[in-house]
Amino acid sequence: MPRGELKLIIGNMFGNKTGRLILEIETLRQFGKRRVLVLKPDTDTRSGECLIRDYHGKSMEAFDVPARDPWVALRIVREKEAEAGSRFNLIAFDEVQFFAPDSGFFRVVDELLERGYGVLASGLALDFKGDLSGPRCCSSGSAGATTTASGSPRFARNAARRRRCRSA
């Protein structure tokens, strides 16, 4: 099975990243007939339990994954596929900055990609001080990521300039 594709939606606070994620999922489900499983860290309290919600109030069902143990996501995928009797095409994650830096989140994403799943993830690139936000990773860049920046073009340029590998 070919390696899956990674797509990121990154931006600043109130940049409508979750709204773009919801729109992308709805489009893939409706027009692409894709099966999408939506996950989020359990520490995301803004949306409520088992939901993602954008700034304008639009919401979608999501399954909570422990922020300190994102490996649970693999179990959730397996269980939901068994319940449905078919495979998901895409695994979507919202608010990825809430996964603990030492949790292995990027290894989970890499495992999903290796298994042939597409992965769509949204979250902050930088925190309020302009430092990298959320889980950090040093990788070879073999994931083939496509990045969609949410918010201002200036933010996207600055975020791209500030990307760097550093350990957690």
N, C-alpha and C. Protein backbone atom coordinates (compact mmCIF):
# COMPACT_ATOMS: atom_id res chain seq x y z
N MET A 1 0.84 -1.18 0.00
CA MET A 1 0.00 0.00 0.00
C MET A 1 0.89 1.24 0.00
N PRO A 2 0.58 2.23 -0.85
CA PRO A 2 1.42 3.44 -0.89
C PRO A 2 1.28 4.26 0.39
N ARG A 3 2.34 4.99 0.70
CA ARG A 3 2.35 5.85 1.88
C ARG A 3 1.29 6.93 1.73
N GLY A 4 0.62 7.28 2.83
CA GLY A 4 -0.41 8.31 2.81
C GLY A 4 0.19 9.69 2.66
N GLU A 5 -0.68 10.67 2.46
CA GLU A 5 -0.27 12.05 2.27
C GLU A 5 -0.62 12.86 3.51
N LEU A 6 0.26 13.76 3.89
CA LEU A 6 0.07 14.63 5.04
C LEU A 6 -0.27 16.03 4.56
N LYS A 7 -1.35 16.60 5.11
CA LYS A 7 -1.71 17.98 4.81
C LYS A 7 -1.89 18.71 6.13
N LEU A 8 -1.27 19.88 6.26
CA LEU A 8 -1.33 20.67 7.49
C LEU A 8 -2.08 21.97 7.25
N ILE A 9 -2.88 22.35 8.21
CA ILE A 9 -3.52 23.67 8.22
C ILE A 9 -2.97 24.36 9.45
N ILE A 10 -2.12 25.35 9.23
CA ILE A 10 -1.48 26.05 10.35
C ILE A 10 -1.79 27.52 10.28
N GLY A 11 -1.79 28.16 11.43
CA GLY A 11 -2.05 29.59 11.44
C GLY A 11 -2.07 30.13 12.85
N ASN A 12 -2.47 31.39 12.93
CA ASN A 12 -2.51 32.06 14.22
C ASN A 12 -3.86 31.84 14.89
N MET A 13 -3.97 32.27 16.14
CA MET A 13 -5.25 32.14 16.86
C MET A 13 -6.31 32.95 16.13
N PHE A 14 -7.51 32.43 16.11
CA PHE A 14 -8.67 33.03 15.43
C PHE A 14 -8.44 33.12 13.91
N GLY A 15 -7.58 32.27 13.38
CA GLY A 15 -7.33 32.24 11.94
C GLY A 15 -8.26 31.29 11.20
N ASN A 16 -9.25 30.73 11.88
CA ASN A 16 -10.26 29.82 11.33
C ASN A 16 -9.67 28.49 10.84
N LYS A 17 -8.66 28.01 11.54
CA LYS A 17 -8.05 26.72 11.18
C LYS A 17 -9.05 25.58 11.32
N THR A 18 -9.80 25.56 12.42
CA THR A 18 -10.79 24.50 12.61
C THR A 18 -11.90 24.62 11.57
N GLY A 19 -12.29 25.83 11.23
CA GLY A 19 -13.29 26.03 10.18
C GLY A 19 -12.82 25.48 8.84
N ARG A 20 -11.56 25.70 8.52
CA ARG A 20 -11.00 25.16 7.27
C ARG A 20 -10.93 23.64 7.33
N LEU A 21 -10.59 23.10 8.50
CA LEU A 21 -10.55 21.65 8.68
C LEU A 21 -11.95 21.06 8.46
N ILE A 22 -12.97 21.64 9.09
CA ILE A 22 -14.34 21.16 8.94
C ILE A 22 -14.77 21.23 7.47
N LEU A 23 -14.47 22.34 6.81
CA LEU A 23 -14.84 22.49 5.39
C LEU A 23 -14.17 21.42 4.53
N GLU A 24 -12.89 21.20 4.78
CA GLU A 24 -12.14 20.18 4.02
C GLU A 24 -12.74 18.79 4.24
N ILE A 25 -13.08 18.46 5.49
CA ILE A 25 -13.66 17.15 5.80
C ILE A 25 -15.02 17.01 5.13
N GLU A 26 -15.87 18.04 5.25
CA GLU A 26 -17.19 17.98 4.61
C GLU A 26 -17.07 17.80 3.10
N THR A 27 -16.15 18.52 2.49
CA THR A 27 -15.95 18.41 1.04
C THR A 27 -15.49 17.02 0.66
N LEU A 28 -14.53 16.48 1.39
CA LEU A 28 -14.03 15.13 1.10
C LEU A 28 -15.12 14.09 1.28
N ARG A 29 -15.93 14.24 2.30
CA ARG A 29 -17.02 13.28 2.54
C ARG A 29 -18.11 13.40 1.48
N GLN A 30 -18.52 14.62 1.18
CA GLN A 30 -19.65 14.81 0.27
C GLN A 30 -19.28 14.58 -1.19
N PHE A 31 -18.20 15.20 -1.64
CA PHE A 31 -17.87 15.14 -3.07
C PHE A 31 -16.84 14.07 -3.41
N GLY A 32 -15.97 13.77 -2.45
CA GLY A 32 -14.94 12.77 -2.70
C GLY A 32 -15.33 11.39 -2.22
N LYS A 33 -16.47 11.29 -1.53
CA LYS A 33 -16.95 10.01 -0.98
C LYS A 33 -15.85 9.35 -0.15
N ARG A 34 -15.12 10.15 0.61
CA ARG A 34 -14.03 9.66 1.46
C ARG A 34 -14.56 9.40 2.86
N ARG A 35 -13.99 8.40 3.48
CA ARG A 35 -14.31 8.08 4.87
C ARG A 35 -13.26 8.76 5.75
N VAL A 36 -13.72 9.65 6.60
CA VAL A 36 -12.82 10.46 7.42
C VAL A 36 -13.15 10.25 8.89
N LEU A 37 -12.12 9.98 9.69
CA LEU A 37 -12.25 9.89 11.14
C LEU A 37 -11.62 11.13 11.74
N VAL A 38 -12.35 11.81 12.62
CA VAL A 38 -11.88 13.06 13.21
C VAL A 38 -11.48 12.81 14.66
N LEU A 39 -10.26 13.24 15.01
CA LEU A 39 -9.71 13.06 16.36
C LEU A 39 -9.24 14.41 16.89
N LYS A 40 -9.20 14.52 18.21
CA LYS A 40 -8.67 15.73 18.84
C LYS A 40 -8.10 15.37 20.20
N PRO A 41 -7.15 16.16 20.69
CA PRO A 41 -6.61 15.89 22.03
C PRO A 41 -7.66 16.16 23.10
N ASP A 42 -7.65 15.35 24.13
CA ASP A 42 -8.64 15.50 25.19
C ASP A 42 -8.45 16.77 26.00
N THR A 43 -7.32 17.44 25.86
CA THR A 43 -7.08 18.69 26.58
C THR A 43 -7.69 19.91 25.87
N ASP A 44 -8.25 19.71 24.69
CA ASP A 44 -8.95 20.79 23.99
C ASP A 44 -10.33 20.94 24.61
N THR A 45 -10.49 21.92 25.48
CA THR A 45 -11.76 22.11 26.19
C THR A 45 -12.64 23.15 25.51
N ARG A 46 -12.12 23.87 24.54
CA ARG A 46 -12.88 24.93 23.87
C ARG A 46 -14.11 24.38 23.17
N SER A 47 -13.97 23.23 22.53
CA SER A 47 -15.04 22.68 21.70
C SER A 47 -16.02 21.82 22.47
N GLY A 48 -15.64 21.34 23.62
CA GLY A 48 -16.47 20.42 24.36
C GLY A 48 -16.03 18.99 24.07
N GLU A 49 -16.55 18.07 24.84
CA GLU A 49 -16.17 16.67 24.70
C GLU A 49 -16.70 16.08 23.40
N CYS A 50 -15.85 15.39 22.69
CA CYS A 50 -16.20 14.66 21.46
C CYS A 50 -16.72 15.56 20.35
N LEU A 51 -16.24 16.80 20.31
CA LEU A 51 -16.60 17.74 19.25
C LEU A 51 -15.41 18.59 18.87
N ILE A 52 -15.38 19.01 17.62
CA ILE A 52 -14.53 20.15 17.24
C ILE A 52 -15.50 21.25 16.86
N ARG A 53 -15.13 22.50 17.16
CA ARG A 53 -16.02 23.62 16.88
C ARG A 53 -15.18 24.80 16.43
N ASP A 54 -15.62 25.42 15.34
CA ASP A 54 -14.87 26.59 14.87
C ASP A 54 -15.31 27.85 15.62
N TYR A 55 -14.64 28.93 15.35
CA TYR A 55 -14.88 30.21 16.03
C TYR A 55 -16.30 30.72 15.81
N HIS A 56 -16.93 30.30 14.70
CA HIS A 56 -18.28 30.76 14.36
C HIS A 56 -19.37 29.82 14.87
N GLY A 57 -18.99 28.73 15.55
CA GLY A 57 -19.96 27.83 16.15
C GLY A 57 -20.28 26.57 15.35
N LYS A 58 -19.72 26.43 14.17
CA LYS A 58 -19.95 25.21 13.39
C LYS A 58 -19.18 24.07 14.04
N SER A 59 -19.84 22.92 14.21
CA SER A 59 -19.18 21.82 14.92
C SER A 59 -19.29 20.51 14.15
N MET A 60 -18.50 19.54 14.60
CA MET A 60 -18.44 18.22 13.99
C MET A 60 -18.03 17.22 15.06
N GLU A 61 -18.55 16.01 14.97
CA GLU A 61 -18.19 14.96 15.92
C GLU A 61 -16.71 14.60 15.78
N ALA A 62 -16.07 14.38 16.92
CA ALA A 62 -14.66 13.97 16.95
C ALA A 62 -14.45 13.06 18.15
N PHE A 63 -13.45 12.23 18.08
CA PHE A 63 -13.12 11.34 19.19
C PHE A 63 -11.93 11.90 19.93
N ASP A 64 -12.03 11.92 21.26
CA ASP A 64 -10.97 12.44 22.10
C ASP A 64 -9.83 11.42 22.22
N VAL A 65 -8.61 11.92 22.09
CA VAL A 65 -7.39 11.12 22.23
C VAL A 65 -6.60 11.72 23.38
N PRO A 66 -6.10 10.90 24.30
CA PRO A 66 -5.30 11.45 25.40
C PRO A 66 -4.08 12.22 24.86
N ALA A 67 -3.95 13.47 25.27
CA ALA A 67 -2.86 14.32 24.78
C ALA A 67 -1.49 13.77 25.17
N ARG A 68 -1.41 13.02 26.26
CA ARG A 68 -0.13 12.46 26.70
C ARG A 68 0.14 11.10 26.07
N ASP A 69 -0.87 10.51 25.42
CA ASP A 69 -0.71 9.19 24.82
C ASP A 69 -1.45 9.10 23.47
N PRO A 70 -0.92 9.79 22.45
CA PRO A 70 -1.61 9.78 21.15
C PRO A 70 -1.63 8.42 20.46
N TRP A 71 -0.88 7.46 20.99
CA TRP A 71 -0.90 6.10 20.41
C TRP A 71 -2.29 5.49 20.51
N VAL A 72 -3.12 6.00 21.43
CA VAL A 72 -4.50 5.54 21.55
C VAL A 72 -5.25 5.79 20.24
N ALA A 73 -4.82 6.78 19.47
CA ALA A 73 -5.46 7.06 18.17
C ALA A 73 -5.47 5.83 17.28
N LEU A 74 -4.40 5.05 17.30
CA LEU A 74 -4.34 3.84 16.46
C LEU A 74 -5.41 2.84 16.88
N ARG A 75 -5.63 2.72 18.18
CA ARG A 75 -6.67 1.82 18.68
C ARG A 75 -8.06 2.32 18.27
N ILE A 76 -8.28 3.63 18.38
CA ILE A 76 -9.57 4.21 17.99
C ILE A 76 -9.83 3.95 16.51
N VAL A 77 -8.83 4.15 15.67
CA VAL A 77 -8.98 3.89 14.22
C VAL A 77 -9.39 2.44 14.01
N ARG A 78 -8.68 1.54 14.64
CA ARG A 78 -8.96 0.10 14.47
C ARG A 78 -10.38 -0.23 14.95
N GLU A 79 -10.78 0.28 16.10
CA GLU A 79 -12.12 0.01 16.64
C GLU A 79 -13.21 0.57 15.75
N LYS A 80 -13.06 1.80 15.29
CA LYS A 80 -14.09 2.43 14.46
C LYS A 80 -14.18 1.76 13.09
N GLU A 81 -13.06 1.30 12.57
CA GLU A 81 -13.10 0.55 11.30
C GLU A 81 -13.82 -0.78 11.49
N ALA A 82 -13.58 -1.44 12.61
CA ALA A 82 -14.25 -2.71 12.88
C ALA A 82 -15.75 -2.50 13.01
N GLU A 83 -16.15 -1.43 13.69
CA GLU A 83 -17.58 -1.13 13.84
C GLU A 83 -18.23 -0.85 12.49
N ALA A 84 -17.55 -0.11 11.64
CA ALA A 84 -18.11 0.28 10.34
C ALA A 84 -17.95 -0.81 9.28
N GLY A 85 -17.00 -1.70 9.50
CA GLY A 85 -16.74 -2.75 8.52
C GLY A 85 -16.00 -2.28 7.29
N SER A 86 -15.40 -1.11 7.36
CA SER A 86 -14.59 -0.62 6.23
C SER A 86 -13.49 0.33 6.73
N ARG A 87 -12.53 0.56 5.87
CA ARG A 87 -11.34 1.34 6.19
C ARG A 87 -11.58 2.83 5.98
N PHE A 88 -10.96 3.65 6.83
CA PHE A 88 -10.99 5.10 6.63
C PHE A 88 -9.95 5.47 5.58
N ASN A 89 -10.25 6.52 4.83
CA ASN A 89 -9.28 7.04 3.86
C ASN A 89 -8.37 8.09 4.50
N LEU A 90 -8.93 8.82 5.48
CA LEU A 90 -8.23 9.96 6.04
C LEU A 90 -8.48 10.03 7.54
N ILE A 91 -7.42 10.37 8.28
CA ILE A 91 -7.53 10.62 9.71
C ILE A 91 -7.23 12.10 9.92
N ALA A 92 -8.19 12.83 10.50
CA ALA A 92 -8.04 14.27 10.72
C ALA A 92 -7.83 14.55 12.20
N PHE A 93 -6.89 15.44 12.50
CA PHE A 93 -6.60 15.87 13.87
C PHE A 93 -6.80 17.37 13.97
N ASP A 94 -7.49 17.82 15.00
CA ASP A 94 -7.63 19.26 15.25
C ASP A 94 -6.81 19.62 16.49
N GLU A 95 -6.38 20.87 16.56
CA GLU A 95 -5.67 21.42 17.73
C GLU A 95 -4.45 20.58 18.12
N VAL A 96 -3.63 20.25 17.13
CA VAL A 96 -2.48 19.36 17.39
C VAL A 96 -1.46 19.95 18.36
N GLN A 97 -1.48 21.27 18.56
CA GLN A 97 -0.51 21.87 19.49
C GLN A 97 -0.76 21.41 20.93
N PHE A 98 -1.94 20.83 21.21
CA PHE A 98 -2.23 20.36 22.56
C PHE A 98 -1.65 18.99 22.87
N PHE A 99 -1.14 18.29 21.86
CA PHE A 99 -0.47 17.02 22.15
C PHE A 99 0.86 17.33 22.83
N ALA A 100 1.16 16.62 23.89
CA ALA A 100 2.37 16.89 24.67
C ALA A 100 3.61 16.74 23.79
N PRO A 101 4.59 17.64 23.98
CA PRO A 101 5.80 17.59 23.15
C PRO A 101 6.54 16.25 23.19
N ASP A 102 6.45 15.55 24.32
CA ASP A 102 7.17 14.27 24.46
C ASP A 102 6.25 13.06 24.27
N SER A 103 5.08 13.27 23.66
CA SER A 103 4.08 12.20 23.57
C SER A 103 4.28 11.23 22.41
N GLY A 104 5.10 11.62 21.45
CA GLY A 104 5.28 10.77 20.28
C GLY A 104 4.23 11.00 19.21
N PHE A 105 3.56 12.14 19.25
CA PHE A 105 2.49 12.43 18.29
C PHE A 105 2.97 12.28 16.84
N PHE A 106 4.16 12.81 16.53
CA PHE A 106 4.63 12.72 15.15
C PHE A 106 4.94 11.29 14.74
N ARG A 107 5.33 10.47 15.68
CA ARG A 107 5.54 9.05 15.36
C ARG A 107 4.21 8.36 15.06
N VAL A 108 3.15 8.77 15.75
CA VAL A 108 1.81 8.24 15.46
C VAL A 108 1.39 8.65 14.05
N VAL A 109 1.58 9.92 13.71
CA VAL A 109 1.25 10.40 12.37
C VAL A 109 2.05 9.62 11.33
N ASP A 110 3.34 9.43 11.58
CA ASP A 110 4.18 8.67 10.64
C ASP A 110 3.67 7.24 10.48
N GLU A 111 3.24 6.63 11.57
CA GLU A 111 2.70 5.27 11.50
C GLU A 111 1.43 5.23 10.66
N LEU A 112 0.56 6.20 10.84
CA LEU A 112 -0.66 6.27 10.02
C LEU A 112 -0.32 6.44 8.54
N LEU A 113 0.64 7.30 8.25
CA LEU A 113 1.07 7.49 6.86
C LEU A 113 1.64 6.20 6.28
N GLU A 114 2.46 5.51 7.07
CA GLU A 114 3.04 4.23 6.61
C GLU A 114 1.96 3.20 6.32
N ARG A 115 0.86 3.26 7.06
CA ARG A 115 -0.25 2.32 6.85
C ARG A 115 -1.15 2.73 5.69
N GLY A 116 -0.81 3.84 5.03
CA GLY A 116 -1.54 4.26 3.85
C GLY A 116 -2.69 5.22 4.08
N TYR A 117 -2.85 5.70 5.31
CA TYR A 117 -3.89 6.68 5.59
C TYR A 117 -3.41 8.07 5.19
N GLY A 118 -4.32 8.89 4.70
CA GLY A 118 -4.05 10.30 4.57
C GLY A 118 -4.22 10.91 5.96
N VAL A 119 -3.46 11.94 6.26
CA VAL A 119 -3.57 12.63 7.55
C VAL A 119 -3.73 14.12 7.27
N LEU A 120 -4.76 14.70 7.87
CA LEU A 120 -5.03 16.13 7.79
C LEU A 120 -4.99 16.66 9.21
N ALA A 121 -4.14 17.65 9.48
CA ALA A 121 -3.98 18.15 10.84
C ALA A 121 -4.02 19.67 10.85
N SER A 122 -4.65 20.23 11.89
CA SER A 122 -4.68 21.68 12.03
C SER A 122 -4.21 22.07 13.42
N GLY A 123 -3.60 23.24 13.50
CA GLY A 123 -3.16 23.74 14.79
C GLY A 123 -2.28 24.96 14.65
N LEU A 124 -1.88 25.47 15.79
CA LEU A 124 -1.00 26.64 15.84
C LEU A 124 0.43 26.24 15.48
N ALA A 125 1.09 27.11 14.75
CA ALA A 125 2.50 26.90 14.46
C ALA A 125 3.36 27.54 15.54
N LEU A 126 2.92 28.68 16.04
CA LEU A 126 3.70 29.45 17.02
C LEU A 126 2.81 29.81 18.19
N ASP A 127 3.39 29.92 19.38
CA ASP A 127 2.61 30.35 20.52
C ASP A 127 2.59 31.88 20.58
N PHE A 128 2.01 32.44 21.65
CA PHE A 128 1.85 33.89 21.74
C PHE A 128 3.18 34.64 21.80
N LYS A 129 4.29 33.95 22.11
CA LYS A 129 5.61 34.59 22.14
C LYS A 129 6.35 34.45 20.82
N GLY A 130 5.75 33.74 19.86
CA GLY A 130 6.41 33.53 18.59
C GLY A 130 7.30 32.31 18.56
N ASP A 131 7.23 31.48 19.60
CA ASP A 131 8.00 30.24 19.64
C ASP A 131 7.18 29.11 19.03
N LEU A 132 7.86 28.04 18.62
CA LEU A 132 7.15 26.89 18.08
C LEU A 132 6.19 26.36 19.13
N SER A 133 5.02 25.93 18.67
CA SER A 133 3.96 25.50 19.58
C SER A 133 3.75 24.00 19.49
N GLY A 134 3.35 23.37 20.59
CA GLY A 134 2.93 21.98 20.58
C GLY A 134 4.04 20.99 20.40
N PRO A 135 3.69 19.79 19.90
CA PRO A 135 4.69 18.74 19.75
C PRO A 135 5.75 19.15 18.74
N ARG A 136 6.97 18.75 19.00
CA ARG A 136 8.06 19.09 18.08
C ARG A 136 8.66 17.83 17.51
N CYS A 137 9.23 17.98 16.35
CA CYS A 137 9.74 16.80 15.67
C CYS A 137 10.96 17.17 14.85
N CYS A 138 11.90 16.29 14.81
CA CYS A 138 13.01 16.42 13.88
C CYS A 138 12.89 15.25 12.93
N SER A 139 12.61 15.54 11.68
CA SER A 139 12.42 14.45 10.72
C SER A 139 13.16 14.77 9.43
N SER A 140 13.21 13.77 8.59
CA SER A 140 13.90 13.93 7.32
C SER A 140 13.04 14.66 6.30
N GLY A 141 11.77 14.90 6.65
CA GLY A 141 10.89 15.58 5.72
C GLY A 141 10.31 14.65 4.68
N SER A 142 10.36 13.35 4.90
CA SER A 142 9.90 12.40 3.91
C SER A 142 8.39 12.25 3.88
N ALA A 143 7.69 12.96 4.75
CA ALA A 143 6.24 12.81 4.81
C ALA A 143 5.54 13.42 3.61
N GLY A 144 6.18 14.32 2.89
CA GLY A 144 5.56 14.94 1.73
C GLY A 144 4.41 15.85 2.14
N ALA A 145 4.64 16.72 3.11
CA ALA A 145 3.56 17.55 3.65
C ALA A 145 3.21 18.69 2.72
N THR A 146 1.93 18.98 2.66
CA THR A 146 1.41 20.16 2.00
C THR A 146 0.91 21.06 3.11
N THR A 147 1.30 22.32 3.11
CA THR A 147 0.91 23.22 4.18
C THR A 147 -0.04 24.27 3.65
N THR A 148 -1.17 24.45 4.33
CA THR A 148 -2.10 25.51 4.04
C THR A 148 -2.08 26.43 5.24
N ALA A 149 -1.64 27.66 5.05
CA ALA A 149 -1.58 28.59 6.17
C ALA A 149 -2.91 29.29 6.31
N SER A 150 -3.37 29.38 7.54
CA SER A 150 -4.62 30.07 7.84
C SER A 150 -4.25 31.41 8.44
N GLY A 151 -4.97 32.44 8.10
CA GLY A 151 -4.66 33.76 8.62
C GLY A 151 -3.94 34.58 7.58
N SER A 152 -3.14 35.52 8.01
CA SER A 152 -2.54 36.46 7.08
C SER A 152 -1.37 35.85 6.31
N PRO A 153 -1.16 36.32 5.06
CA PRO A 153 0.00 35.85 4.30
C PRO A 153 1.32 36.16 5.02
N ARG A 154 1.37 37.29 5.74
CA ARG A 154 2.58 37.63 6.47
C ARG A 154 2.87 36.58 7.53
N PHE A 155 1.83 36.11 8.23
CA PHE A 155 2.02 35.07 9.23
C PHE A 155 2.60 33.82 8.59
N ALA A 156 2.05 33.43 7.45
CA ALA A 156 2.51 32.22 6.77
C ALA A 156 3.99 32.34 6.39
N ARG A 157 4.39 33.50 5.88
CA ARG A 157 5.80 33.70 5.53
C ARG A 157 6.68 33.62 6.77
N ASN A 158 6.25 34.30 7.84
CA ASN A 158 7.05 34.29 9.07
C ASN A 158 7.13 32.89 9.67
N ALA A 159 6.01 32.16 9.65
CA ALA A 159 6.01 30.79 10.18
C ALA A 159 6.97 29.92 9.38
N ALA A 160 6.96 30.07 8.07
CA ALA A 160 7.85 29.27 7.23
C ALA A 160 9.31 29.61 7.54
N ARG A 161 9.60 30.89 7.77
CA ARG A 161 10.98 31.30 8.08
C ARG A 161 11.44 30.76 9.43
N ARG A 162 10.49 30.64 10.38
CA ARG A 162 10.86 30.26 11.74
C ARG A 162 10.90 28.76 11.96
N ARG A 163 10.45 27.98 10.97
CA ARG A 163 10.46 26.51 11.16
C ARG A 163 11.89 26.04 11.38
N ARG A 164 12.05 25.28 12.39
CA ARG A 164 13.37 24.72 12.68
C ARG A 164 13.18 23.51 13.58
N CYS A 165 14.12 22.62 13.53
CA CYS A 165 14.05 21.43 14.40
C CYS A 165 14.71 21.78 15.72
N ARG A 166 14.04 21.39 16.76
CA ARG A 166 14.67 21.47 18.08
C ARG A 166 13.99 20.44 18.96
N SER A 167 14.73 19.91 19.85
CA SER A 167 14.18 18.85 20.70
C SER A 167 13.25 19.43 21.74
N ALA A 168 12.34 18.58 22.21
CA ALA A 168 11.34 19.01 23.19
C ALA A 168 11.94 19.27 24.53
